[in-house]
Amino acid sequence: MVNERVLSLALDLTKTSPRSPRASLGNYKVLAARALDKCRAELAGTAGSYHFNCPLDRVFFRFTAIDSEKFKAFVATGASDQEVGNWISKESRVQDKSKIATWALLFQLNPINLILDGDDWLHRRKQGA
């Protein structure tokens, strides 16, 4: 049984796309919020064509050294964005805010973001959102 709070927080990714890879969550300015949206949607059964713990999510999990299954288990409790952001800050092996900021900047400068933005745009257009 899925936690009711997870159901209320989960986006229906069959009708919209997750947050941008550049959306902030806690100390993380990239990837964390998107991974959270996909995780909640997967738990709620509304992930559509999106997949939690995809290669892009694994970039975040590798950087932080957070186990994706531990992340999913915490999200399954119905934790809010702020609670998940605090949990990530506590669990991450990277505590130096300047390292986090540098990593985020390098990610933002990566041209792959244009592909991700285009893919999300196409997804929303296809779904009529």
C-alpha atoms as a PDB file:
ATOM      1  CA  MET A   1       0.000   0.000   0.000  1.00  0.00           C
ATOM      2  CA  VAL A   2       1.344   3.394  -1.003  1.00  0.00           C
ATOM      3  CA  ASN A   3       1.507   6.085   1.658  1.00  0.00           C
ATOM      4  CA  GLU A   4      -1.364   8.578   1.140  1.00  0.00           C
ATOM      5  CA  ARG A   5       1.042  11.495   1.450  1.00  0.00           C
ATOM      6  CA  VAL A   6       3.166  10.079  -1.374  1.00  0.00           C
ATOM      7  CA  LEU A   7       0.030   9.869  -3.505  1.00  0.00           C
ATOM      8  CA  SER A   8      -0.801  13.502  -2.751  1.00  0.00           C
ATOM      9  CA  LEU A   9       2.735  14.699  -3.529  1.00  0.00           C
ATOM     10  CA  ALA A  10       3.358  12.578  -6.627  1.00  0.00           C
ATOM     11  CA  LEU A  11       3.109  14.151 -10.057  1.00  0.00           C
ATOM     12  CA  ASP A  12       1.279  12.247 -12.747  1.00  0.00           C
ATOM     13  CA  LEU A  13       4.145  11.872 -15.200  1.00  0.00           C
ATOM     14  CA  THR A  14       1.783  10.420 -17.784  1.00  0.00           C
ATOM     15  CA  LYS A  15       0.418  13.978 -18.086  1.00  0.00           C
ATOM     16  CA  THR A  16       3.402  16.190 -17.312  1.00  0.00           C
ATOM     17  CA  SER A  17       7.157  16.003 -16.932  1.00  0.00           C
ATOM     18  CA  PRO A  18       9.196  15.986 -13.728  1.00  0.00           C
ATOM     19  CA  ARG A  19      10.911  19.151 -12.566  1.00  0.00           C
ATOM     20  CA  SER A  20      13.796  20.408 -14.637  1.00  0.00           C
ATOM     21  CA  PRO A  21      17.208  18.828 -14.018  1.00  0.00           C
ATOM     22  CA  ARG A  22      18.180  22.346 -12.866  1.00  0.00           C
ATOM     23  CA  ALA A  23      15.449  22.628 -10.191  1.00  0.00           C
ATOM     24  CA  SER A  24      16.713  23.031  -6.629  1.00  0.00           C
ATOM     25  CA  LEU A  25      16.080  20.740  -3.698  1.00  0.00           C
ATOM     26  CA  GLY A  26      17.828  21.591  -0.452  1.00  0.00           C
ATOM     27  CA  ASN A  27      21.525  22.239  -1.041  1.00  0.00           C
ATOM     28  CA  TYR A  28      21.380  20.624  -4.471  1.00  0.00           C
ATOM     29  CA  LYS A  29      20.732  22.883  -7.446  1.00  0.00           C
ATOM     30  CA  VAL A  30      20.546  20.055  -9.976  1.00  0.00           C
ATOM     31  CA  LEU A  31      19.058  16.556 -10.380  1.00  0.00           C
ATOM     32  CA  ALA A  32      17.739  15.919  -6.854  1.00  0.00           C
ATOM     33  CA  ALA A  33      14.266  17.429  -7.382  1.00  0.00           C
ATOM     34  CA  ARG A  34      13.842  15.588 -10.689  1.00  0.00           C
ATOM     35  CA  ALA A  35      14.878  12.272  -9.118  1.00  0.00           C
ATOM     36  CA  LEU A  36      12.395  12.927  -6.292  1.00  0.00           C
ATOM     37  CA  ASP A  37       9.548  13.590  -8.739  1.00  0.00           C
ATOM     38  CA  LYS A  38      10.269  10.375 -10.624  1.00  0.00           C
ATOM     39  CA  CYS A  39      10.609   8.379  -7.401  1.00  0.00           C
ATOM     40  CA  ARG A  40       7.268   9.593  -6.041  1.00  0.00           C
ATOM     41  CA  ALA A  41       5.575   8.944  -9.383  1.00  0.00           C
ATOM     42  CA  GLU A  42       7.001   5.424  -9.530  1.00  0.00           C
ATOM     43  CA  LEU A  43       5.766   4.738  -6.000  1.00  0.00           C
ATOM     44  CA  ALA A  44       2.320   6.099  -6.929  1.00  0.00           C
ATOM     45  CA  GLY A  45       2.176   4.202 -10.224  1.00  0.00           C
ATOM     46  CA  THR A  46       2.103   7.387 -12.323  1.00  0.00           C
ATOM     47  CA  ALA A  47       5.642   7.397 -13.758  1.00  0.00           C
ATOM     48  CA  GLY A  48       4.550   6.802 -17.336  1.00  0.00           C
ATOM     49  CA  SER A  49       7.607   6.685 -19.574  1.00  0.00           C
ATOM     50  CA  TYR A  50       9.882   8.167 -16.894  1.00  0.00           C
ATOM     51  CA  HIS A  51      12.061   5.898 -14.766  1.00  0.00           C
ATOM     52  CA  PHE A  52      13.466   6.454 -11.305  1.00  0.00           C
ATOM     53  CA  ASN A  53      17.155   5.554 -10.917  1.00  0.00           C
ATOM     54  CA  CYS A  54      17.807   6.063 -14.619  1.00  0.00           C
ATOM     55  CA  PRO A  55      21.357   6.939 -15.713  1.00  0.00           C
ATOM     56  CA  LEU A  56      20.723  10.638 -15.020  1.00  0.00           C
ATOM     57  CA  ASP A  57      19.512   9.921 -11.470  1.00  0.00           C
ATOM     58  CA  ARG A  58      22.557   7.727 -10.943  1.00  0.00           C
ATOM     59  CA  VAL A  59      24.804  10.735 -11.682  1.00  0.00           C
ATOM     60  CA  PHE A  60      23.281  12.360  -8.588  1.00  0.00           C
ATOM     61  CA  PHE A  61      23.480   9.187  -6.499  1.00  0.00           C
ATOM     62  CA  ARG A  62      27.122   8.607  -7.464  1.00  0.00           C
ATOM     63  CA  PHE A  63      28.093  12.177  -6.587  1.00  0.00           C
ATOM     64  CA  THR A  64      26.380  12.059  -3.193  1.00  0.00           C
ATOM     65  CA  ALA A  65      27.129   8.359  -2.535  1.00  0.00           C
ATOM     66  CA  ILE A  66      23.490   7.936  -1.539  1.00  0.00           C
ATOM     67  CA  ASP A  67      21.985   4.523  -2.161  1.00  0.00           C
ATOM     68  CA  SER A  68      18.982   4.902  -4.473  1.00  0.00           C
ATOM     69  CA  GLU A  69      17.003   2.263  -2.565  1.00  0.00           C
ATOM     70  CA  LYS A  70      17.544   4.101   0.739  1.00  0.00           C
ATOM     71  CA  PHE A  71      16.408   7.281  -1.005  1.00  0.00           C
ATOM     72  CA  LYS A  72      13.303   5.516  -2.320  1.00  0.00           C
ATOM     73  CA  ALA A  73      12.515   4.057   1.105  1.00  0.00           C
ATOM     74  CA  PHE A  74      12.729   7.510   2.690  1.00  0.00           C
ATOM     75  CA  VAL A  75      10.564   9.073  -0.036  1.00  0.00           C
ATOM     76  CA  ALA A  76       8.017   6.265   0.505  1.00  0.00           C
ATOM     77  CA  THR A  77       7.431   7.583   4.052  1.00  0.00           C
ATOM     78  CA  GLY A  78       5.642  10.571   2.504  1.00  0.00           C
ATOM     79  CA  ALA A  79       8.420  13.032   3.258  1.00  0.00           C
ATOM     80  CA  SER A  80       7.964  16.584   1.957  1.00  0.00           C
ATOM     81  CA  ASP A  81      10.434  18.269  -0.382  1.00  0.00           C
ATOM     82  CA  GLN A  82      12.038  20.026   2.582  1.00  0.00           C
ATOM     83  CA  GLU A  83      12.318  16.786   4.545  1.00  0.00           C
ATOM     84  CA  VAL A  84      13.879  15.012   1.561  1.00  0.00           C
ATOM     85  CA  GLY A  85      16.283  17.936   1.045  1.00  0.00           C
ATOM     86  CA  ASN A  86      17.326  17.760   4.709  1.00  0.00           C
ATOM     87  CA  TRP A  87      17.713  13.971   4.487  1.00  0.00           C
ATOM     88  CA  ILE A  88      19.919  14.285   1.394  1.00  0.00           C
ATOM     89  CA  SER A  89      22.092  16.877   3.149  1.00  0.00           C
ATOM     90  CA  LYS A  90      22.519  14.530   6.094  1.00  0.00           C
ATOM     91  CA  GLU A  91      23.126  11.376   4.018  1.00  0.00           C
ATOM     92  CA  SER A  92      25.374  12.835   1.309  1.00  0.00           C
ATOM     93  CA  ARG A  93      29.068  12.131   1.537  1.00  0.00           C
ATOM     94  CA  VAL A  94      29.653  15.603   0.048  1.00  0.00           C
ATOM     95  CA  GLN A  95      29.258  18.188   2.777  1.00  0.00           C
ATOM     96  CA  ASP A  96      31.379  20.976   1.259  1.00  0.00           C
ATOM     97  CA  LYS A  97      28.903  23.473  -0.222  1.00  0.00           C
ATOM     98  CA  SER A  98      31.522  24.805  -2.651  1.00  0.00           C
ATOM     99  CA  LYS A  99      32.017  21.287  -4.090  1.00  0.00           C
ATOM    100  CA  ILE A 100      28.259  20.927  -4.458  1.00  0.00           C
ATOM    101  CA  ALA A 101      28.048  24.327  -6.181  1.00  0.00           C
ATOM    102  CA  THR A 102      30.922  23.504  -8.545  1.00  0.00           C
ATOM    103  CA  TRP A 103      29.384  20.145  -9.447  1.00  0.00           C
ATOM    104  CA  ALA A 104      26.024  21.840 -10.113  1.00  0.00           C
ATOM    105  CA  LEU A 105      27.622  24.518 -12.290  1.00  0.00           C
ATOM    106  CA  LEU A 106      29.472  21.929 -14.370  1.00  0.00           C
ATOM    107  CA  PHE A 107      26.239  20.019 -14.835  1.00  0.00           C
ATOM    108  CA  GLN A 108      24.358  23.183 -15.855  1.00  0.00           C
ATOM    109  CA  LEU A 109      27.013  23.978 -18.469  1.00  0.00           C
ATOM    110  CA  ASN A 110      26.673  20.536 -20.024  1.00  0.00           C
ATOM    111  CA  PRO A 111      24.874  20.672 -23.392  1.00  0.00           C
ATOM    112  CA  ILE A 112      22.928  17.522 -22.450  1.00  0.00           C
ATOM    113  CA  ASN A 113      20.539  19.916 -20.668  1.00  0.00           C
ATOM    114  CA  LEU A 114      19.253  21.086 -24.042  1.00  0.00           C
ATOM    115  CA  ILE A 115      18.381  17.501 -24.929  1.00  0.00           C
ATOM    116  CA  LEU A 116      16.635  16.969 -21.581  1.00  0.00           C
ATOM    117  CA  ASP A 117      14.654  20.193 -21.977  1.00  0.00           C
ATOM    118  CA  GLY A 118      13.657  19.164 -25.498  1.00  0.00           C
ATOM    119  CA  ASP A 119      12.639  15.697 -24.363  1.00  0.00           C
ATOM    120  CA  ASP A 120      10.465  17.117 -21.563  1.00  0.00           C
ATOM    121  CA  TRP A 121       8.895  19.615 -23.969  1.00  0.00           C
ATOM    122  CA  LEU A 122       8.059  16.822 -26.407  1.00  0.00           C
ATOM    123  CA  HIS A 123       6.631  14.717 -23.582  1.00  0.00           C
ATOM    124  CA  ARG A 124       4.344  17.533 -22.406  1.00  0.00           C
ATOM    125  CA  ARG A 125       3.271  18.287 -25.981  1.00  0.00           C
ATOM    126  CA  LYS A 126       2.541  14.617 -26.659  1.00  0.00           C
ATOM    127  CA  GLN A 127       0.440  14.418 -23.483  1.00  0.00           C
ATOM    128  CA  GLY A 128      -1.440  17.608 -24.315  1.00  0.00           C
ATOM    129  CA  ALA A 129      -0.315  19.342 -21.129  1.00  0.00           C
END
